[in-house]
Amino acid sequence: MMRCRRIPKAGERGLTLVEMVVAVGILAILASAAVPILRFQVKREKERELRYDLWTMRAAIDMYKDAADKGAIQTKVDSQNYPPDLETLVNGVDIQGKKVKFLRRIPVDPMTGNTEWGLRSMQDDPDSTSFGGQSVFDVYSKSQGTALDGTKYADW
């Protein structure tokens, strides 16, 4: 006995409830797998931004020191020719009658979301978290978080 398939009438085409449940289930599984990957990618991008910001500020500190070592900038005796603060790098200094700026702005720390950075002077211990205030020798993130490679952001 041969069965004929019924031809659907107009308006009867569509998905069955079982097909819809299966489709939604597959989408839910795919979405749950994508969320951790997305979080990982966001954290990686913030780490790239942090590395770039630290590199930029450290390069600006080095340029200031080079100019001061050449005698273009007057500095305090105990500063060892490093800038007194990050704002000086942004505001600039007068060199031969021209205003020279070393940074456009103080970058926002992507890990903490603000422009407050940890500062170290030459007189501070390398792992010190308190700033002596004499001059800015180094900058670091104040974030207590851990990077994807297992190191602390404050140690970068």
C-alpha atoms as a PDB file:
ATOM      1  CA  MET A   1       0.000   0.000   0.000  1.00  0.00           C
ATOM      2  CA  MET A   2       1.429   3.304  -1.029  1.00  0.00           C
ATOM      3  CA  ARG A   3       0.871   6.412   0.994  1.00  0.00           C
ATOM      4  CA  CYS A   4       0.705   9.753  -0.647  1.00  0.00           C
ATOM      5  CA  ARG A   5       2.125  12.775   0.959  1.00  0.00           C
ATOM      6  CA  ARG A   6      -0.342  15.454   1.602  1.00  0.00           C
ATOM      7  CA  ILE A   7       0.385  18.752  -0.097  1.00  0.00           C
ATOM      8  CA  PRO A   8       0.252  21.595   2.418  1.00  0.00           C
ATOM      9  CA  LYS A   9      -2.222  24.346   1.786  1.00  0.00           C
ATOM     10  CA  ALA A  10      -1.261  27.973   1.828  1.00  0.00           C
ATOM     11  CA  GLY A  11      -0.565  29.098   5.394  1.00  0.00           C
ATOM     12  CA  GLU A  12       0.340  25.606   6.663  1.00  0.00           C
ATOM     13  CA  ARG A  13       4.046  25.829   5.943  1.00  0.00           C
ATOM     14  CA  GLY A  14       6.436  26.282   8.888  1.00  0.00           C
ATOM     15  CA  LEU A  15       8.398  24.520  11.572  1.00  0.00           C
ATOM     16  CA  THR A  16       7.057  22.014  14.013  1.00  0.00           C
ATOM     17  CA  LEU A  17       7.443  22.532  17.740  1.00  0.00           C
ATOM     18  CA  VAL A  18      10.112  19.807  17.907  1.00  0.00           C
ATOM     19  CA  GLU A  19      12.148  21.508  15.184  1.00  0.00           C
ATOM     20  CA  MET A  20      11.929  24.816  17.003  1.00  0.00           C
ATOM     21  CA  VAL A  21      13.046  23.267  20.321  1.00  0.00           C
ATOM     22  CA  VAL A  22      16.016  21.584  18.629  1.00  0.00           C
ATOM     23  CA  ALA A  23      17.025  24.816  16.842  1.00  0.00           C
ATOM     24  CA  VAL A  24      16.800  26.867  20.050  1.00  0.00           C
ATOM     25  CA  GLY A  25      18.792  24.213  21.920  1.00  0.00           C
ATOM     26  CA  ILE A  26      21.588  24.285  19.355  1.00  0.00           C
ATOM     27  CA  LEU A  27      21.701  28.093  19.459  1.00  0.00           C
ATOM     28  CA  ALA A  28      21.874  28.036  23.263  1.00  0.00           C
ATOM     29  CA  ILE A  29      24.825  25.623  23.204  1.00  0.00           C
ATOM     30  CA  LEU A  30      26.675  27.736  20.638  1.00  0.00           C
ATOM     31  CA  ALA A  31      26.017  30.937  22.594  1.00  0.00           C
ATOM     32  CA  SER A  32      27.228  29.400  25.869  1.00  0.00           C
ATOM     33  CA  ALA A  33      30.460  28.352  24.138  1.00  0.00           C
ATOM     34  CA  ALA A  34      30.999  31.845  22.684  1.00  0.00           C
ATOM     35  CA  VAL A  35      30.684  33.786  25.969  1.00  0.00           C
ATOM     36  CA  PRO A  36      33.989  32.597  27.539  1.00  0.00           C
ATOM     37  CA  ILE A  37      35.814  33.182  24.265  1.00  0.00           C
ATOM     38  CA  LEU A  38      34.454  36.723  24.119  1.00  0.00           C
ATOM     39  CA  ARG A  39      35.509  37.448  27.725  1.00  0.00           C
ATOM     40  CA  PHE A  40      39.002  36.106  26.971  1.00  0.00           C
ATOM     41  CA  GLN A  41      39.241  38.337  23.900  1.00  0.00           C
ATOM     42  CA  VAL A  42      38.112  41.441  25.820  1.00  0.00           C
ATOM     43  CA  LYS A  43      40.708  40.816  28.544  1.00  0.00           C
ATOM     44  CA  ARG A  44      43.430  40.285  25.940  1.00  0.00           C
ATOM     45  CA  GLU A  45      42.537  43.602  24.270  1.00  0.00           C
ATOM     46  CA  LYS A  46      42.679  45.444  27.619  1.00  0.00           C
ATOM     47  CA  GLU A  47      46.103  43.922  28.267  1.00  0.00           C
ATOM     48  CA  ARG A  48      47.343  45.133  24.871  1.00  0.00           C
ATOM     49  CA  GLU A  49      46.070  48.599  25.690  1.00  0.00           C
ATOM     50  CA  LEU A  50      47.763  48.529  29.111  1.00  0.00           C
ATOM     51  CA  ARG A  51      51.106  47.505  27.581  1.00  0.00           C
ATOM     52  CA  TYR A  52      50.840  50.295  25.013  1.00  0.00           C
ATOM     53  CA  ASP A  53      49.933  52.926  27.628  1.00  0.00           C
ATOM     54  CA  LEU A  54      52.815  51.905  29.885  1.00  0.00           C
ATOM     55  CA  TRP A  55      55.220  51.937  26.933  1.00  0.00           C
ATOM     56  CA  THR A  56      53.999  55.413  25.881  1.00  0.00           C
ATOM     57  CA  MET A  57      54.376  56.924  29.356  1.00  0.00           C
ATOM     58  CA  ARG A  58      57.787  55.327  29.925  1.00  0.00           C
ATOM     59  CA  ALA A  59      58.986  56.615  26.542  1.00  0.00           C
ATOM     60  CA  ALA A  60      57.785  60.127  27.479  1.00  0.00           C
ATOM     61  CA  ILE A  61      59.663  59.914  30.806  1.00  0.00           C
ATOM     62  CA  ASP A  62      62.813  58.855  28.939  1.00  0.00           C
ATOM     63  CA  MET A  63      62.479  61.717  26.423  1.00  0.00           C
ATOM     64  CA  TYR A  64      62.090  64.209  29.287  1.00  0.00           C
ATOM     65  CA  LYS A  65      65.185  62.789  30.999  1.00  0.00           C
ATOM     66  CA  ASP A  66      67.188  62.938  27.756  1.00  0.00           C
ATOM     67  CA  ALA A  67      66.265  66.601  27.287  1.00  0.00           C
ATOM     68  CA  ALA A  68      67.143  67.353  30.922  1.00  0.00           C
ATOM     69  CA  ASP A  69      70.471  65.483  30.643  1.00  0.00           C
ATOM     70  CA  LYS A  70      71.344  67.676  27.632  1.00  0.00           C
ATOM     71  CA  GLY A  71      70.624  70.786  29.714  1.00  0.00           C
ATOM     72  CA  ALA A  72      67.496  71.861  27.829  1.00  0.00           C
ATOM     73  CA  ILE A  73      65.301  71.575  30.942  1.00  0.00           C
ATOM     74  CA  GLN A  74      66.064  72.916  34.415  1.00  0.00           C
ATOM     75  CA  THR A  75      65.342  70.260  37.056  1.00  0.00           C
ATOM     76  CA  LYS A  76      65.710  69.932  40.812  1.00  0.00           C
ATOM     77  CA  VAL A  77      69.007  68.538  42.064  1.00  0.00           C
ATOM     78  CA  ASP A  78      67.467  65.481  43.758  1.00  0.00           C
ATOM     79  CA  SER A  79      65.263  64.593  40.739  1.00  0.00           C
ATOM     80  CA  GLN A  80      68.133  63.064  38.745  1.00  0.00           C
ATOM     81  CA  ASN A  81      66.612  64.797  35.686  1.00  0.00           C
ATOM     82  CA  TYR A  82      63.320  62.877  35.817  1.00  0.00           C
ATOM     83  CA  PRO A  83      59.969  64.722  35.593  1.00  0.00           C
ATOM     84  CA  PRO A  84      58.320  65.770  38.868  1.00  0.00           C
ATOM     85  CA  ASP A  85      54.940  64.264  37.841  1.00  0.00           C
ATOM     86  CA  LEU A  86      52.957  63.003  34.841  1.00  0.00           C
ATOM     87  CA  GLU A  87      51.146  66.330  34.466  1.00  0.00           C
ATOM     88  CA  THR A  88      54.456  67.971  33.573  1.00  0.00           C
ATOM     89  CA  LEU A  89      54.754  65.613  30.612  1.00  0.00           C
ATOM     90  CA  VAL A  90      51.260  66.637  29.456  1.00  0.00           C
ATOM     91  CA  ASN A  91      51.524  70.378  30.169  1.00  0.00           C
ATOM     92  CA  GLY A  92      54.995  70.559  28.666  1.00  0.00           C
ATOM     93  CA  VAL A  93      58.096  72.575  29.446  1.00  0.00           C
ATOM     94  CA  ASP A  94      59.770  75.541  27.762  1.00  0.00           C
ATOM     95  CA  ILE A  95      62.793  74.546  25.696  1.00  0.00           C
ATOM     96  CA  GLN A  96      64.515  77.431  23.912  1.00  0.00           C
ATOM     97  CA  GLY A  97      61.341  79.509  23.930  1.00  0.00           C
ATOM     98  CA  LYS A  98      59.072  76.727  22.670  1.00  0.00           C
ATOM     99  CA  LYS A  99      56.581  74.682  24.654  1.00  0.00           C
ATOM    100  CA  VAL A 100      57.497  70.981  24.312  1.00  0.00           C
ATOM    101  CA  LYS A 101      54.930  68.398  25.394  1.00  0.00           C
ATOM    102  CA  PHE A 102      55.922  64.791  25.927  1.00  0.00           C
ATOM    103  CA  LEU A 103      52.410  63.300  26.297  1.00  0.00           C
ATOM    104  CA  ARG A 104      49.096  64.378  24.758  1.00  0.00           C
ATOM    105  CA  ARG A 105      47.178  63.188  27.789  1.00  0.00           C
ATOM    106  CA  ILE A 106      47.537  60.862  30.744  1.00  0.00           C
ATOM    107  CA  PRO A 107      46.016  57.623  29.475  1.00  0.00           C
ATOM    108  CA  VAL A 108      43.198  55.842  31.265  1.00  0.00           C
ATOM    109  CA  ASP A 109      44.337  52.602  32.875  1.00  0.00           C
ATOM    110  CA  PRO A 110      42.192  49.988  31.100  1.00  0.00           C
ATOM    111  CA  MET A 111      42.238  47.731  34.151  1.00  0.00           C
ATOM    112  CA  THR A 112      41.083  50.307  36.718  1.00  0.00           C
ATOM    113  CA  GLY A 113      39.201  52.702  34.437  1.00  0.00           C
ATOM    114  CA  ASN A 114      40.860  55.884  35.749  1.00  0.00           C
ATOM    115  CA  THR A 115      43.969  57.985  35.115  1.00  0.00           C
ATOM    116  CA  GLU A 116      45.582  57.265  38.469  1.00  0.00           C
ATOM    117  CA  TRP A 117      48.790  55.339  37.922  1.00  0.00           C
ATOM    118  CA  GLY A 118      51.268  54.015  40.423  1.00  0.00           C
ATOM    119  CA  LEU A 119      54.479  56.045  40.383  1.00  0.00           C
ATOM    120  CA  ARG A 120      58.031  55.251  41.459  1.00  0.00           C
ATOM    121  CA  SER A 121      60.991  57.565  41.909  1.00  0.00           C
ATOM    122  CA  MET A 122      64.667  56.640  41.773  1.00  0.00           C
ATOM    123  CA  GLN A 123      64.774  56.705  45.574  1.00  0.00           C
ATOM    124  CA  ASP A 124      61.923  54.154  45.911  1.00  0.00           C
ATOM    125  CA  ASP A 125      62.467  50.408  46.122  1.00  0.00           C
ATOM    126  CA  PRO A 126      61.776  48.609  42.812  1.00  0.00           C
ATOM    127  CA  ASP A 127      58.742  46.829  44.278  1.00  0.00           C
ATOM    128  CA  SER A 128      57.511  49.768  46.366  1.00  0.00           C
ATOM    129  CA  THR A 129      53.863  50.767  46.143  1.00  0.00           C
ATOM    130  CA  SER A 130      54.336  54.159  47.807  1.00  0.00           C
ATOM    131  CA  PHE A 131      55.610  57.119  45.815  1.00  0.00           C
ATOM    132  CA  GLY A 132      58.394  59.122  47.431  1.00  0.00           C
ATOM    133  CA  GLY A 133      57.417  62.193  45.442  1.00  0.00           C
ATOM    134  CA  GLN A 134      60.880  63.311  44.314  1.00  0.00           C
ATOM    135  CA  SER A 135      60.492  62.547  40.592  1.00  0.00           C
ATOM    136  CA  VAL A 136      58.771  60.039  38.293  1.00  0.00           C
ATOM    137  CA  PHE A 137      61.166  57.282  37.297  1.00  0.00           C
ATOM    138  CA  ASP A 138      58.569  54.613  36.444  1.00  0.00           C
ATOM    139  CA  VAL A 139      54.812  54.034  36.183  1.00  0.00           C
ATOM    140  CA  TYR A 140      52.701  50.951  36.813  1.00  0.00           C
ATOM    141  CA  SER A 141      49.055  49.939  36.965  1.00  0.00           C
ATOM    142  CA  LYS A 142      47.310  50.096  40.334  1.00  0.00           C
ATOM    143  CA  SER A 143      45.182  47.104  39.359  1.00  0.00           C
ATOM    144  CA  GLN A 144      45.452  44.094  41.647  1.00  0.00           C
ATOM    145  CA  GLY A 145      44.325  41.775  38.837  1.00  0.00           C
ATOM    146  CA  THR A 146      46.236  38.940  37.248  1.00  0.00           C
ATOM    147  CA  ALA A 147      47.064  38.815  33.556  1.00  0.00           C
ATOM    148  CA  LEU A 148      46.372  35.928  31.208  1.00  0.00           C
ATOM    149  CA  ASP A 149      50.027  34.898  31.522  1.00  0.00           C
ATOM    150  CA  GLY A 150      49.741  34.679  35.335  1.00  0.00           C
ATOM    151  CA  THR A 151      51.660  37.859  36.209  1.00  0.00           C
ATOM    152  CA  LYS A 152      50.225  40.770  38.188  1.00  0.00           C
ATOM    153  CA  TYR A 153      49.379  43.904  36.218  1.00  0.00           C
ATOM    154  CA  ALA A 154      51.174  45.994  38.838  1.00  0.00           C
ATOM    155  CA  ASP A 155      54.415  44.157  37.973  1.00  0.00           C
ATOM    156  CA  TRP A 156      54.388  45.101  34.291  1.00  0.00           C
END
